[in-house]
Structures are given as C-alpha cells and as structure tokens.
N, C-alpha and C. Protein backbone atom coordinates (compact mmCIF):
# COMPACT_ATOMS: atom_id res chain seq x y z
N UNK A 1 0.84 -1.17 0.00
CA UNK A 1 0.00 0.00 0.00
C UNK A 1 0.89 1.25 0.00
N UNK A 2 0.52 2.20 -0.80
CA UNK A 2 1.23 3.47 -0.91
C UNK A 2 0.65 4.46 0.09
N UNK A 3 1.51 5.20 0.78
CA UNK A 3 1.09 6.27 1.68
C UNK A 3 1.45 7.60 1.02
N UNK A 4 0.48 8.49 0.96
CA UNK A 4 0.70 9.80 0.37
C UNK A 4 -0.14 10.80 1.15
N UNK A 5 0.50 11.85 1.63
CA UNK A 5 -0.21 12.89 2.38
C UNK A 5 0.16 14.26 1.85
N UNK A 6 -0.81 15.15 1.85
CA UNK A 6 -0.56 16.54 1.44
C UNK A 6 0.15 17.32 2.56
N UNK A 7 0.27 16.71 3.75
CA UNK A 7 0.95 17.37 4.87
C UNK A 7 2.46 17.25 4.77
N UNK A 8 2.93 16.55 3.75
CA UNK A 8 4.36 16.44 3.45
C UNK A 8 4.53 16.76 1.97
N UNK A 9 5.73 17.17 1.56
CA UNK A 9 5.95 17.50 0.15
C UNK A 9 5.69 16.29 -0.76
N UNK A 10 5.16 16.57 -1.92
CA UNK A 10 4.95 15.51 -2.89
C UNK A 10 6.30 15.06 -3.47
N UNK A 11 6.36 13.84 -3.90
CA UNK A 11 7.59 13.30 -4.48
C UNK A 11 8.04 14.14 -5.67
N UNK A 12 9.35 14.35 -5.78
CA UNK A 12 9.88 15.12 -6.91
C UNK A 12 10.51 14.21 -7.96
N UNK A 13 10.18 12.94 -7.89
CA UNK A 13 10.69 11.96 -8.83
C UNK A 13 9.79 10.75 -8.85
N UNK A 14 10.24 9.69 -9.50
CA UNK A 14 9.42 8.47 -9.62
C UNK A 14 9.50 7.59 -8.37
N UNK A 15 8.95 8.07 -7.27
CA UNK A 15 8.93 7.31 -6.02
C UNK A 15 7.72 7.74 -5.21
N UNK A 16 7.40 6.96 -4.18
CA UNK A 16 6.28 7.27 -3.28
C UNK A 16 6.83 7.87 -1.99
N UNK A 17 6.00 8.65 -1.30
CA UNK A 17 6.41 9.17 0.00
C UNK A 17 6.73 8.00 0.93
N UNK A 18 5.89 6.97 0.88
CA UNK A 18 6.12 5.80 1.74
C UNK A 18 5.35 4.61 1.19
N UNK A 19 5.82 3.42 1.58
CA UNK A 19 5.19 2.17 1.16
C UNK A 19 5.06 1.27 2.39
N UNK A 20 3.86 0.69 2.54
CA UNK A 20 3.64 -0.29 3.60
C UNK A 20 3.88 -1.67 3.02
N UNK A 21 4.67 -2.47 3.73
CA UNK A 21 4.94 -3.86 3.36
C UNK A 21 4.79 -4.68 4.63
N UNK A 22 3.71 -5.43 4.73
CA UNK A 22 3.44 -6.17 5.96
C UNK A 22 3.19 -5.19 7.09
N UNK A 23 3.94 -5.35 8.17
CA UNK A 23 3.81 -4.46 9.33
C UNK A 23 4.82 -3.32 9.31
N UNK A 24 5.53 -3.16 8.21
CA UNK A 24 6.56 -2.13 8.13
C UNK A 24 6.18 -1.03 7.15
N UNK A 25 6.54 0.19 7.53
CA UNK A 25 6.38 1.36 6.67
C UNK A 25 7.77 1.84 6.28
N UNK A 26 8.03 1.94 5.01
CA UNK A 26 9.31 2.41 4.49
C UNK A 26 9.10 3.83 3.95
N UNK A 27 9.72 4.80 4.60
CA UNK A 27 9.54 6.20 4.22
C UNK A 27 10.73 6.67 3.40
N UNK A 28 10.44 7.23 2.24
CA UNK A 28 11.48 7.79 1.39
C UNK A 28 12.16 8.97 2.09
N UNK A 29 13.31 9.35 1.61
CA UNK A 29 14.04 10.46 2.20
C UNK A 29 13.19 11.72 2.25
N UNK A 30 13.13 12.31 3.43
CA UNK A 30 12.37 13.56 3.64
C UNK A 30 13.35 14.72 3.69
N UNK A 31 13.12 15.67 2.83
CA UNK A 31 13.95 16.86 2.76
C UNK A 31 13.18 18.04 3.36
N UNK A 32 13.87 19.14 3.60
CA UNK A 32 13.22 20.32 4.18
C UNK A 32 12.49 21.18 3.14
N UNK A 33 11.54 20.56 2.47
CA UNK A 33 10.71 21.27 1.50
C UNK A 33 9.37 21.60 2.15
N UNK A 34 8.82 22.76 1.87
CA UNK A 34 7.48 23.09 2.35
C UNK A 34 6.47 22.21 1.62
N UNK A 35 5.53 21.60 2.35
CA UNK A 35 4.54 20.75 1.70
C UNK A 35 3.72 21.47 0.64
N UNK A 36 3.42 22.73 0.84
CA UNK A 36 2.54 23.46 -0.07
C UNK A 36 3.12 23.65 -1.46
N UNK A 37 4.41 23.97 -1.52
CA UNK A 37 4.97 24.31 -2.83
C UNK A 37 6.36 23.74 -3.11
N UNK A 38 6.92 22.98 -2.18
CA UNK A 38 8.23 22.37 -2.40
C UNK A 38 9.40 23.32 -2.24
N UNK A 39 9.13 24.53 -1.77
CA UNK A 39 10.22 25.49 -1.61
C UNK A 39 11.05 25.16 -0.36
N UNK A 40 12.21 25.77 -0.28
CA UNK A 40 13.13 25.59 0.85
C UNK A 40 13.25 26.94 1.55
N UNK A 41 12.50 27.15 2.63
CA UNK A 41 12.44 28.48 3.24
C UNK A 41 13.58 28.82 4.19
N UNK A 42 14.42 27.85 4.53
CA UNK A 42 15.44 28.08 5.55
C UNK A 42 16.82 27.70 5.05
N UNK A 43 17.83 28.42 5.56
CA UNK A 43 19.23 28.14 5.21
C UNK A 43 19.98 27.43 6.33
N UNK A 44 19.47 27.46 7.55
CA UNK A 44 20.22 26.91 8.69
C UNK A 44 19.95 25.41 8.83
N UNK A 45 20.93 24.70 9.35
CA UNK A 45 20.77 23.26 9.59
C UNK A 45 19.67 23.01 10.61
N UNK A 46 19.54 23.86 11.62
CA UNK A 46 18.50 23.66 12.64
C UNK A 46 17.11 23.75 12.02
N UNK A 47 16.85 24.79 11.27
CA UNK A 47 15.52 24.97 10.67
C UNK A 47 15.24 23.92 9.59
N UNK A 48 16.26 23.59 8.79
CA UNK A 48 16.07 22.55 7.78
C UNK A 48 15.82 21.20 8.43
N UNK A 49 16.50 20.93 9.53
CA UNK A 49 16.30 19.66 10.24
C UNK A 49 14.87 19.57 10.77
N UNK A 50 14.38 20.64 11.38
CA UNK A 50 13.00 20.66 11.88
C UNK A 50 12.00 20.39 10.77
N UNK A 51 12.17 21.05 9.64
CA UNK A 51 11.23 20.88 8.55
C UNK A 51 11.29 19.47 7.97
N UNK A 52 12.48 18.93 7.79
CA UNK A 52 12.61 17.57 7.27
C UNK A 52 11.96 16.57 8.22
N UNK A 53 12.18 16.73 9.51
CA UNK A 53 11.61 15.82 10.50
C UNK A 53 10.10 16.03 10.67
N UNK A 54 9.63 17.26 10.50
CA UNK A 54 8.17 17.50 10.49
C UNK A 54 7.53 16.77 9.31
N UNK A 55 8.20 16.79 8.16
CA UNK A 55 7.69 16.09 6.98
C UNK A 55 7.66 14.59 7.22
N UNK A 56 8.71 14.07 7.82
CA UNK A 56 8.77 12.65 8.16
C UNK A 56 7.63 12.29 9.12
N UNK A 57 7.45 13.11 10.13
CA UNK A 57 6.40 12.86 11.12
C UNK A 57 5.01 12.89 10.47
N UNK A 58 4.79 13.77 9.52
CA UNK A 58 3.50 13.83 8.83
C UNK A 58 3.21 12.54 8.08
N UNK A 59 4.23 11.95 7.50
CA UNK A 59 4.05 10.69 6.77
C UNK A 59 3.81 9.55 7.75
N UNK A 60 4.56 9.52 8.85
CA UNK A 60 4.35 8.51 9.89
C UNK A 60 2.89 8.57 10.36
N UNK A 61 2.40 9.76 10.64
CA UNK A 61 1.03 9.93 11.13
C UNK A 61 -0.01 9.59 10.07
N UNK A 62 0.29 9.87 8.81
CA UNK A 62 -0.64 9.52 7.73
C UNK A 62 -0.82 8.02 7.63
N UNK A 63 0.17 7.27 8.09
CA UNK A 63 0.09 5.81 8.09
C UNK A 63 -0.57 5.28 9.36
N UNK A 64 -0.98 6.19 10.25
CA UNK A 64 -1.65 5.78 11.48
C UNK A 64 -0.72 5.44 12.63
N UNK A 65 0.51 5.89 12.57
CA UNK A 65 1.48 5.60 13.62
C UNK A 65 1.95 6.90 14.26
N UNK A 66 2.91 6.80 15.15
CA UNK A 66 3.55 7.98 15.71
C UNK A 66 5.06 7.73 15.75
N UNK A 67 5.80 8.74 16.13
CA UNK A 67 7.27 8.66 16.05
C UNK A 67 7.86 7.60 16.98
N UNK A 68 7.12 7.16 17.98
CA UNK A 68 7.63 6.10 18.85
C UNK A 68 7.73 4.77 18.12
N UNK A 69 7.10 4.66 16.96
CA UNK A 69 7.11 3.43 16.18
C UNK A 69 8.26 3.39 15.16
N UNK A 70 9.02 4.48 15.05
CA UNK A 70 10.17 4.50 14.14
C UNK A 70 11.24 3.59 14.71
N UNK A 71 11.68 2.61 13.91
CA UNK A 71 12.69 1.67 14.38
C UNK A 71 14.08 1.92 13.79
N UNK A 72 14.14 2.63 12.65
CA UNK A 72 15.43 2.87 12.00
C UNK A 72 15.35 4.13 11.17
N UNK A 73 16.36 4.96 11.26
CA UNK A 73 16.46 6.11 10.37
C UNK A 73 17.82 6.08 9.68
N UNK A 74 17.84 6.66 8.51
CA UNK A 74 19.10 6.93 7.82
C UNK A 74 19.09 8.42 7.54
N UNK A 75 20.14 9.09 8.00
CA UNK A 75 20.23 10.54 7.89
C UNK A 75 21.40 10.87 6.96
N UNK A 76 21.10 11.70 5.99
CA UNK A 76 22.11 12.15 5.04
C UNK A 76 22.35 13.63 5.32
N UNK A 77 23.59 13.98 5.60
CA UNK A 77 23.92 15.35 5.98
C UNK A 77 25.00 15.86 5.04
N UNK A 78 24.87 17.10 4.62
CA UNK A 78 25.81 17.64 3.63
C UNK A 78 27.14 18.04 4.24
N UNK A 79 27.18 18.20 5.57
CA UNK A 79 28.41 18.65 6.23
C UNK A 79 28.42 18.12 7.66
N UNK A 80 29.34 17.24 7.98
CA UNK A 80 29.41 16.66 9.32
C UNK A 80 29.71 17.71 10.40
N UNK A 81 30.15 18.89 10.01
CA UNK A 81 30.32 19.97 10.98
C UNK A 81 28.97 20.38 11.58
N UNK A 82 27.87 20.02 10.91
CA UNK A 82 26.52 20.32 11.39
C UNK A 82 25.92 19.19 12.22
N UNK A 83 26.70 18.13 12.46
CA UNK A 83 26.20 16.92 13.11
C UNK A 83 25.60 17.19 14.49
N UNK A 84 26.31 17.91 15.35
CA UNK A 84 25.79 18.10 16.71
C UNK A 84 24.54 18.98 16.71
N UNK A 85 24.49 19.98 15.86
CA UNK A 85 23.28 20.82 15.79
C UNK A 85 22.09 20.00 15.26
N UNK A 86 22.35 19.16 14.26
CA UNK A 86 21.30 18.25 13.77
C UNK A 86 20.83 17.33 14.89
N UNK A 87 21.76 16.77 15.65
CA UNK A 87 21.42 15.86 16.75
C UNK A 87 20.50 16.52 17.78
N UNK A 88 20.73 17.80 18.08
CA UNK A 88 19.87 18.52 19.03
C UNK A 88 18.43 18.51 18.57
N UNK A 89 18.22 18.78 17.30
CA UNK A 89 16.86 18.81 16.74
C UNK A 89 16.31 17.39 16.67
N UNK A 90 17.08 16.47 16.14
CA UNK A 90 16.66 15.08 15.96
C UNK A 90 16.18 14.49 17.29
N UNK A 91 16.93 14.72 18.35
CA UNK A 91 16.61 14.18 19.67
C UNK A 91 15.21 14.58 20.13
N UNK A 92 14.78 15.77 19.77
CA UNK A 92 13.47 16.28 20.24
C UNK A 92 12.28 15.55 19.59
N UNK A 93 12.52 14.77 18.57
CA UNK A 93 11.44 14.05 17.88
C UNK A 93 11.24 12.63 18.41
N UNK A 94 12.13 12.20 19.29
CA UNK A 94 12.07 10.83 19.80
C UNK A 94 12.18 10.83 21.31
N UNK A 95 11.77 9.74 21.94
CA UNK A 95 11.82 9.62 23.40
C UNK A 95 13.18 9.04 23.80
N UNK A 96 13.87 9.78 24.65
CA UNK A 96 15.18 9.30 25.11
C UNK A 96 15.02 7.94 25.79
N UNK A 97 15.96 7.06 25.50
CA UNK A 97 15.89 5.70 26.03
C UNK A 97 15.27 4.73 25.05
N UNK A 98 14.59 5.26 24.04
CA UNK A 98 14.01 4.38 23.01
C UNK A 98 14.23 4.97 21.62
N UNK A 99 15.41 5.58 21.44
CA UNK A 99 15.76 6.11 20.12
C UNK A 99 15.80 4.99 19.09
N UNK A 100 15.42 5.29 17.85
CA UNK A 100 15.55 4.26 16.81
C UNK A 100 17.02 3.99 16.47
N UNK A 101 17.27 2.86 15.85
CA UNK A 101 18.59 2.62 15.29
C UNK A 101 18.82 3.70 14.22
N UNK A 102 20.08 4.04 13.96
CA UNK A 102 20.32 5.14 13.02
C UNK A 102 21.68 5.02 12.36
N UNK A 103 21.71 5.44 11.11
CA UNK A 103 22.96 5.69 10.40
C UNK A 103 22.93 7.16 10.01
N UNK A 104 24.07 7.82 10.07
CA UNK A 104 24.15 9.22 9.64
C UNK A 104 25.44 9.36 8.84
N UNK A 105 25.29 9.74 7.58
CA UNK A 105 26.45 9.83 6.71
C UNK A 105 26.50 11.19 6.02
N UNK A 106 27.72 11.67 5.82
CA UNK A 106 27.91 12.88 5.03
C UNK A 106 27.90 12.51 3.57
N UNK A 107 27.21 13.31 2.79
CA UNK A 107 27.11 13.07 1.35
C UNK A 107 27.55 14.32 0.59
N UNK A 108 27.97 14.13 -0.65
CA UNK A 108 28.48 15.24 -1.44
C UNK A 108 27.39 16.25 -1.80
N UNK A 109 26.17 15.74 -2.04
CA UNK A 109 25.12 16.65 -2.48
C UNK A 109 23.76 16.01 -2.25
N UNK A 110 22.76 16.83 -1.92
CA UNK A 110 21.39 16.38 -1.72
C UNK A 110 20.47 17.12 -2.68
N UNK A 111 19.25 16.61 -2.88
CA UNK A 111 18.32 17.27 -3.81
C UNK A 111 18.14 18.76 -3.49
N UNK A 112 18.17 19.57 -4.52
CA UNK A 112 18.01 21.02 -4.41
C UNK A 112 19.01 21.64 -3.44
N UNK A 113 20.14 20.95 -3.22
CA UNK A 113 21.22 21.43 -2.36
C UNK A 113 20.81 21.70 -0.92
N UNK A 114 19.85 20.91 -0.41
CA UNK A 114 19.47 21.04 1.00
C UNK A 114 20.61 20.51 1.88
N UNK A 115 20.51 20.75 3.17
CA UNK A 115 21.57 20.36 4.11
C UNK A 115 21.33 19.01 4.76
N UNK A 116 20.07 18.50 4.71
CA UNK A 116 19.71 17.28 5.43
C UNK A 116 18.59 16.53 4.71
N UNK A 117 18.62 15.22 4.80
CA UNK A 117 17.55 14.36 4.31
C UNK A 117 17.47 13.17 5.27
N UNK A 118 16.25 12.77 5.63
CA UNK A 118 16.06 11.68 6.59
C UNK A 118 15.04 10.70 6.06
N UNK A 119 15.41 9.42 6.05
CA UNK A 119 14.46 8.36 5.69
C UNK A 119 14.26 7.47 6.91
N UNK A 120 13.18 6.69 6.89
CA UNK A 120 12.88 5.89 8.09
C UNK A 120 12.15 4.61 7.76
N UNK A 121 12.25 3.67 8.70
CA UNK A 121 11.47 2.44 8.71
C UNK A 121 10.66 2.47 10.00
N UNK A 122 9.37 2.17 9.87
CA UNK A 122 8.44 2.26 11.00
C UNK A 122 7.75 0.92 11.19
N UNK A 123 7.66 0.48 12.43
CA UNK A 123 6.92 -0.73 12.77
C UNK A 123 5.47 -0.33 13.03
N UNK A 124 4.56 -0.76 12.19
CA UNK A 124 3.16 -0.38 12.31
C UNK A 124 2.37 -1.23 13.29
N UNK A 125 2.99 -2.29 13.82
CA UNK A 125 2.33 -3.17 14.78
C UNK A 125 2.02 -2.46 16.08
C-alpha cells in the first residue's frame, strides 16, 4: 500500500512518499521542502532539520502511527560539521531511552542542495 499525504511535500521523482509492506512502513528520504509548494524556506541546519523531521512525522502519522514506532532512520547530511546541531533537533522528535537505530552519513550533495535528508522504517504493529 502506498502512503501519500498533502501534509508532506509531494515526491519530486518516480517514487512514493512511503510504502507499507506487511507491518513495516518504508519512508522515502524527507527533505526540508514546504509541503505546499516544495520550496526551501530556511538556510540553517536547525531549521532545515526541523522541517525535514516534520515532513517525516506527517508521513508517519498519515500511516496511522507515531514517532515512537520509528525503528530505523538513515540521515544524510551535507556537512558533518553540522552533526551536533542536527542531533539537538533530531533528539526532540524521539523519546530518550528508546531512540531508533540510526545511520548518519555525510554526502556530497542532496536534492536542491538542501543540508539534510532523513528516511525511516516504522513498525506499524
């Protein structure tokens, strides 16, 4: 089953916002695009992180879950010098003591030259 919500930006390529497979929800990379028009209103890693994670949360909720059900994230960051500031924002979206598994890697470039992109796997059970 495909998950698609207007509360998160529409896909900018041939992919779905998220796909349910059994009890798992696979969420495509969420960038800091405004859901209404796909624009990027912020230049800072903090504001871009909030928007990307808000978009991720909107997709999680569209599937009938909440952020406590996220079991794994992969975070793509354009500059590891922004890692600790990203972590401050990221931490506020999850409950300490039950953080999801995570990978965070620096990449050469992200869509529309954003600073952060986050994808996730969610247990819908």
